[in-house]
Amino acid sequence: MQTNNHQIVDYDTVLDQEFGKPGTPEREAAEREAFDFYTSQILLDARKEAGMTQAELAKKVHSTKSYISRLEHGEITPSVGLFFQIISALGFEVMFRKQSSPFVY
C-alpha cells in the first residue's frame, strides 16, 4: 500500500493496484470479504456491548454457540434475516440512511 508519511494519498488508486479496478472479479471478491469482516465485527462488538455470551445469544436466536463463533470470526456470513434477528436479540436496532460513499459506516 502506498503511503506518504503514513497517510494514504489516494485510496482508490491503492485499491485499484491491490485488487483491480471496480467491477473486476478480484475487486468484487475483496469488497465482499471486507464487508463480511465488517459484519463480523459489528456482531462481535454488539454482543460484547450487550454483555451477552455467545451461548446466550445462540439460545435467543435458536442457533448454536459454534455458529455464533463462526459468524464473529468472519468464517460465515449470516442471512439478512438472521442478522436482524441477532441485532434485535442484543437490544439494538438497524437504521437505514442514504450514504454518500460506499464505505461510509
N, C-alpha and C. Protein backbone atom coordinates (compact mmCIF):
# COMPACT_ATOMS: atom_id res chain seq x y z
N MET A 1 0.85 -1.17 0.00
CA MET A 1 0.00 0.00 0.00
C MET A 1 0.89 1.24 0.00
N GLN A 2 0.64 2.14 -0.91
CA GLN A 2 1.44 3.35 -0.98
C GLN A 2 0.94 4.37 0.04
N THR A 3 1.88 4.91 0.80
CA THR A 3 1.53 5.95 1.76
C THR A 3 2.54 7.07 1.67
N ASN A 4 2.16 8.18 2.21
CA ASN A 4 3.03 9.34 2.28
C ASN A 4 3.03 9.78 3.73
N ASN A 5 4.12 9.51 4.44
CA ASN A 5 4.19 9.78 5.87
C ASN A 5 3.02 9.10 6.60
N HIS A 6 2.74 7.88 6.18
CA HIS A 6 1.70 7.04 6.79
C HIS A 6 0.30 7.59 6.54
N GLN A 7 0.13 8.40 5.53
CA GLN A 7 -1.19 8.90 5.15
C GLN A 7 -1.46 8.44 3.72
N ILE A 8 -2.61 7.85 3.52
CA ILE A 8 -2.97 7.40 2.18
C ILE A 8 -3.34 8.63 1.36
N VAL A 9 -2.74 8.74 0.19
CA VAL A 9 -2.97 9.89 -0.68
C VAL A 9 -4.23 9.67 -1.52
N ASP A 10 -4.35 8.52 -2.13
CA ASP A 10 -5.49 8.22 -2.99
C ASP A 10 -5.88 6.77 -2.78
N TYR A 11 -6.86 6.55 -1.95
CA TYR A 11 -7.22 5.19 -1.58
C TYR A 11 -7.76 4.40 -2.77
N ASP A 12 -8.48 5.06 -3.69
CA ASP A 12 -8.97 4.36 -4.88
C ASP A 12 -7.83 3.78 -5.70
N THR A 13 -6.76 4.54 -5.83
CA THR A 13 -5.58 4.07 -6.57
C THR A 13 -4.96 2.86 -5.87
N VAL A 14 -4.88 2.93 -4.56
CA VAL A 14 -4.33 1.81 -3.79
C VAL A 14 -5.19 0.57 -3.99
N LEU A 15 -6.51 0.72 -3.91
CA LEU A 15 -7.40 -0.43 -4.12
C LEU A 15 -7.28 -0.97 -5.54
N ASP A 16 -7.21 -0.06 -6.52
CA ASP A 16 -7.06 -0.49 -7.91
C ASP A 16 -5.79 -1.30 -8.10
N GLN A 17 -4.69 -0.85 -7.51
CA GLN A 17 -3.42 -1.55 -7.64
C GLN A 17 -3.44 -2.90 -6.92
N GLU A 18 -4.06 -2.92 -5.75
CA GLU A 18 -4.06 -4.12 -4.92
C GLU A 18 -5.06 -5.18 -5.41
N PHE A 19 -6.26 -4.73 -5.82
CA PHE A 19 -7.35 -5.67 -6.11
C PHE A 19 -7.95 -5.54 -7.51
N GLY A 20 -7.47 -4.62 -8.31
CA GLY A 20 -8.02 -4.42 -9.65
C GLY A 20 -9.08 -3.33 -9.64
N LYS A 21 -9.50 -2.96 -10.83
CA LYS A 21 -10.49 -1.89 -10.99
C LYS A 21 -11.86 -2.36 -10.50
N PRO A 22 -12.74 -1.40 -10.11
CA PRO A 22 -14.12 -1.76 -9.73
C PRO A 22 -14.79 -2.55 -10.84
N GLY A 23 -15.52 -3.59 -10.45
CA GLY A 23 -16.21 -4.43 -11.41
C GLY A 23 -15.45 -5.69 -11.80
N THR A 24 -14.15 -5.73 -11.50
CA THR A 24 -13.39 -6.94 -11.81
C THR A 24 -13.70 -8.00 -10.75
N PRO A 25 -13.59 -9.27 -11.11
CA PRO A 25 -13.86 -10.33 -10.13
C PRO A 25 -12.99 -10.23 -8.88
N GLU A 26 -11.73 -9.84 -9.06
CA GLU A 26 -10.83 -9.73 -7.91
C GLU A 26 -11.28 -8.62 -6.96
N ARG A 27 -11.67 -7.48 -7.52
CA ARG A 27 -12.12 -6.35 -6.70
C ARG A 27 -13.42 -6.70 -5.99
N GLU A 28 -14.36 -7.31 -6.70
CA GLU A 28 -15.63 -7.70 -6.09
C GLU A 28 -15.42 -8.69 -4.96
N ALA A 29 -14.51 -9.65 -5.14
CA ALA A 29 -14.22 -10.62 -4.08
C ALA A 29 -13.62 -9.92 -2.86
N ALA A 30 -12.71 -8.98 -3.09
CA ALA A 30 -12.09 -8.24 -1.98
C ALA A 30 -13.13 -7.40 -1.24
N GLU A 31 -14.05 -6.78 -1.96
CA GLU A 31 -15.09 -5.98 -1.32
C GLU A 31 -16.04 -6.85 -0.51
N ARG A 32 -16.41 -8.03 -1.06
CA ARG A 32 -17.26 -8.96 -0.30
C ARG A 32 -16.57 -9.39 0.98
N GLU A 33 -15.29 -9.70 0.88
CA GLU A 33 -14.52 -10.12 2.05
C GLU A 33 -14.46 -8.99 3.10
N ALA A 34 -14.28 -7.77 2.64
CA ALA A 34 -14.23 -6.63 3.55
C ALA A 34 -15.57 -6.43 4.26
N PHE A 35 -16.67 -6.53 3.51
CA PHE A 35 -17.98 -6.38 4.13
C PHE A 35 -18.29 -7.54 5.07
N ASP A 36 -17.86 -8.75 4.73
CA ASP A 36 -18.05 -9.89 5.63
C ASP A 36 -17.31 -9.67 6.94
N PHE A 37 -16.07 -9.17 6.84
CA PHE A 37 -15.30 -8.89 8.05
C PHE A 37 -15.99 -7.80 8.87
N TYR A 38 -16.45 -6.76 8.21
CA TYR A 38 -17.12 -5.65 8.89
C TYR A 38 -18.37 -6.17 9.61
N THR A 39 -19.14 -7.02 8.94
CA THR A 39 -20.34 -7.60 9.56
C THR A 39 -19.97 -8.41 10.79
N SER A 40 -18.91 -9.18 10.71
CA SER A 40 -18.50 -9.99 11.86
C SER A 40 -18.11 -9.10 13.04
N GLN A 41 -17.46 -7.98 12.76
CA GLN A 41 -17.06 -7.07 13.84
C GLN A 41 -18.26 -6.36 14.45
N ILE A 42 -19.25 -6.02 13.63
CA ILE A 42 -20.48 -5.41 14.16
C ILE A 42 -21.13 -6.36 15.15
N LEU A 43 -21.25 -7.63 14.76
CA LEU A 43 -21.90 -8.61 15.63
C LEU A 43 -21.10 -8.84 16.90
N LEU A 44 -19.81 -8.98 16.78
CA LEU A 44 -18.95 -9.20 17.95
C LEU A 44 -19.04 -8.02 18.91
N ASP A 45 -18.89 -6.81 18.39
CA ASP A 45 -18.95 -5.61 19.24
C ASP A 45 -20.31 -5.45 19.90
N ALA A 46 -21.38 -5.70 19.13
CA ALA A 46 -22.73 -5.57 19.68
C ALA A 46 -22.97 -6.58 20.80
N ARG A 47 -22.50 -7.82 20.59
CA ARG A 47 -22.69 -8.84 21.63
C ARG A 47 -21.93 -8.48 22.89
N LYS A 48 -20.70 -8.03 22.74
CA LYS A 48 -19.91 -7.64 23.92
C LYS A 48 -20.54 -6.45 24.62
N GLU A 49 -21.01 -5.47 23.85
CA GLU A 49 -21.65 -4.30 24.46
C GLU A 49 -22.93 -4.69 25.21
N ALA A 50 -23.61 -5.70 24.70
CA ALA A 50 -24.83 -6.17 25.36
C ALA A 50 -24.52 -7.02 26.58
N GLY A 51 -23.24 -7.38 26.77
CA GLY A 51 -22.85 -8.18 27.92
C GLY A 51 -23.37 -9.61 27.85
N MET A 52 -23.43 -10.14 26.64
CA MET A 52 -24.00 -11.46 26.43
C MET A 52 -22.92 -12.42 25.94
N THR A 53 -22.99 -13.65 26.36
CA THR A 53 -22.06 -14.67 25.86
C THR A 53 -22.56 -15.19 24.52
N GLN A 54 -21.66 -15.87 23.82
CA GLN A 54 -22.07 -16.48 22.55
C GLN A 54 -23.18 -17.51 22.78
N ALA A 55 -23.07 -18.26 23.86
CA ALA A 55 -24.09 -19.28 24.15
C ALA A 55 -25.45 -18.63 24.43
N GLU A 56 -25.44 -17.53 25.17
CA GLU A 56 -26.70 -16.84 25.46
C GLU A 56 -27.34 -16.29 24.18
N LEU A 57 -26.52 -15.71 23.33
CA LEU A 57 -27.04 -15.18 22.07
C LEU A 57 -27.57 -16.31 21.20
N ALA A 58 -26.82 -17.40 21.12
CA ALA A 58 -27.24 -18.53 20.31
C ALA A 58 -28.61 -19.04 20.76
N LYS A 59 -28.81 -19.13 22.05
CA LYS A 59 -30.09 -19.59 22.57
C LYS A 59 -31.23 -18.65 22.17
N LYS A 60 -30.98 -17.34 22.24
CA LYS A 60 -32.01 -16.37 21.89
C LYS A 60 -32.42 -16.42 20.42
N VAL A 61 -31.48 -16.77 19.55
CA VAL A 61 -31.79 -16.80 18.12
C VAL A 61 -31.92 -18.23 17.58
N HIS A 62 -32.05 -19.18 18.49
CA HIS A 62 -32.26 -20.59 18.14
C HIS A 62 -31.14 -21.11 17.23
N SER A 63 -29.92 -20.89 17.68
CA SER A 63 -28.74 -21.31 16.94
C SER A 63 -27.80 -22.03 17.90
N THR A 64 -26.54 -22.14 17.52
CA THR A 64 -25.56 -22.78 18.39
C THR A 64 -24.42 -21.80 18.68
N LYS A 65 -23.72 -22.05 19.76
CA LYS A 65 -22.57 -21.23 20.12
C LYS A 65 -21.52 -21.31 19.01
N SER A 66 -21.34 -22.48 18.46
CA SER A 66 -20.38 -22.67 17.38
C SER A 66 -20.72 -21.79 16.17
N TYR A 67 -21.99 -21.70 15.84
CA TYR A 67 -22.42 -20.88 14.70
C TYR A 67 -22.13 -19.41 14.97
N ILE A 68 -22.45 -18.94 16.18
CA ILE A 68 -22.19 -17.54 16.55
C ILE A 68 -20.70 -17.27 16.49
N SER A 69 -19.88 -18.19 16.97
CA SER A 69 -18.43 -18.03 16.92
C SER A 69 -17.95 -17.91 15.47
N ARG A 70 -18.46 -18.76 14.60
CA ARG A 70 -18.07 -18.71 13.19
C ARG A 70 -18.49 -17.39 12.55
N LEU A 71 -19.65 -16.87 12.94
CA LEU A 71 -20.08 -15.55 12.45
C LEU A 71 -19.11 -14.47 12.89
N GLU A 72 -18.77 -14.49 14.17
CA GLU A 72 -17.90 -13.46 14.73
C GLU A 72 -16.46 -13.53 14.21
N HIS A 73 -16.05 -14.67 13.72
CA HIS A 73 -14.72 -14.81 13.16
C HIS A 73 -14.72 -14.59 11.64
N GLY A 74 -15.86 -14.24 11.09
CA GLY A 74 -15.95 -13.96 9.66
C GLY A 74 -15.86 -15.18 8.78
N GLU A 75 -16.04 -16.36 9.37
CA GLU A 75 -15.96 -17.59 8.59
C GLU A 75 -17.21 -17.79 7.75
N ILE A 76 -18.33 -17.29 8.23
CA ILE A 76 -19.60 -17.37 7.51
C ILE A 76 -20.30 -16.02 7.65
N THR A 77 -21.23 -15.77 6.76
CA THR A 77 -21.99 -14.52 6.80
C THR A 77 -23.45 -14.87 7.03
N PRO A 78 -24.09 -14.19 7.99
CA PRO A 78 -25.49 -14.52 8.26
C PRO A 78 -26.40 -14.02 7.15
N SER A 79 -27.53 -14.66 7.01
CA SER A 79 -28.55 -14.12 6.10
C SER A 79 -28.99 -12.78 6.66
N VAL A 80 -29.62 -11.99 5.84
CA VAL A 80 -30.12 -10.69 6.29
C VAL A 80 -31.10 -10.88 7.44
N GLY A 81 -31.97 -11.87 7.30
CA GLY A 81 -32.96 -12.12 8.34
C GLY A 81 -32.31 -12.47 9.68
N LEU A 82 -31.30 -13.35 9.64
CA LEU A 82 -30.63 -13.73 10.88
C LEU A 82 -29.85 -12.55 11.46
N PHE A 83 -29.25 -11.74 10.60
CA PHE A 83 -28.53 -10.56 11.06
C PHE A 83 -29.48 -9.67 11.87
N PHE A 84 -30.65 -9.38 11.32
CA PHE A 84 -31.62 -8.55 12.03
C PHE A 84 -32.10 -9.22 13.32
N GLN A 85 -32.28 -10.53 13.29
CA GLN A 85 -32.70 -11.27 14.47
C GLN A 85 -31.64 -11.18 15.58
N ILE A 86 -30.39 -11.30 15.21
CA ILE A 86 -29.30 -11.22 16.18
C ILE A 86 -29.22 -9.81 16.76
N ILE A 87 -29.25 -8.81 15.90
CA ILE A 87 -29.16 -7.42 16.37
C ILE A 87 -30.32 -7.13 17.32
N SER A 88 -31.50 -7.58 16.99
CA SER A 88 -32.67 -7.37 17.85
C SER A 88 -32.51 -8.10 19.18
N ALA A 89 -32.01 -9.33 19.15
CA ALA A 89 -31.81 -10.11 20.37
C ALA A 89 -30.80 -9.43 21.30
N LEU A 90 -29.89 -8.66 20.71
CA LEU A 90 -28.88 -7.95 21.50
C LEU A 90 -29.38 -6.60 22.00
N GLY A 91 -30.61 -6.25 21.63
CA GLY A 91 -31.19 -4.99 22.10
C GLY A 91 -30.82 -3.78 21.25
N PHE A 92 -30.40 -4.03 20.03
CA PHE A 92 -30.05 -2.95 19.11
C PHE A 92 -31.06 -2.90 17.97
N GLU A 93 -31.00 -1.84 17.21
CA GLU A 93 -31.81 -1.74 16.01
C GLU A 93 -30.93 -1.25 14.86
N VAL A 94 -31.34 -1.56 13.66
CA VAL A 94 -30.62 -1.12 12.48
C VAL A 94 -31.41 0.02 11.87
N MET A 95 -30.69 1.08 11.53
CA MET A 95 -31.32 2.23 10.89
C MET A 95 -30.71 2.40 9.51
N PHE A 96 -31.52 2.73 8.54
CA PHE A 96 -31.05 2.92 7.18
C PHE A 96 -31.01 4.40 6.85
N ARG A 97 -29.98 4.78 6.09
CA ARG A 97 -29.89 6.13 5.58
C ARG A 97 -29.13 6.07 4.28
N LYS A 98 -29.40 7.01 3.42
CA LYS A 98 -28.68 7.06 2.14
C LYS A 98 -27.24 7.48 2.42
N GLN A 99 -26.31 6.82 1.80
CA GLN A 99 -24.91 7.12 2.03
C GLN A 99 -24.32 7.92 0.88
N SER A 100 -23.28 8.64 1.17
CA SER A 100 -22.61 9.43 0.14
C SER A 100 -21.45 8.67 -0.48
N SER A 101 -20.98 7.63 0.17
CA SER A 101 -19.87 6.83 -0.32
C SER A 101 -20.13 5.37 0.06
N PRO A 102 -19.71 4.43 -0.74
CA PRO A 102 -19.95 3.03 -0.41
C PRO A 102 -19.22 2.55 0.85
N PHE A 103 -18.27 3.34 1.36
CA PHE A 103 -17.52 2.91 2.53
C PHE A 103 -17.74 3.84 3.71
N VAL A 104 -18.91 4.46 3.80
CA VAL A 104 -19.24 5.29 4.97
C VAL A 104 -20.00 4.40 5.92
N TYR A 105 -19.49 4.27 7.13
CA TYR A 105 -20.15 3.42 8.10
C TYR A 105 -20.70 4.29 9.17
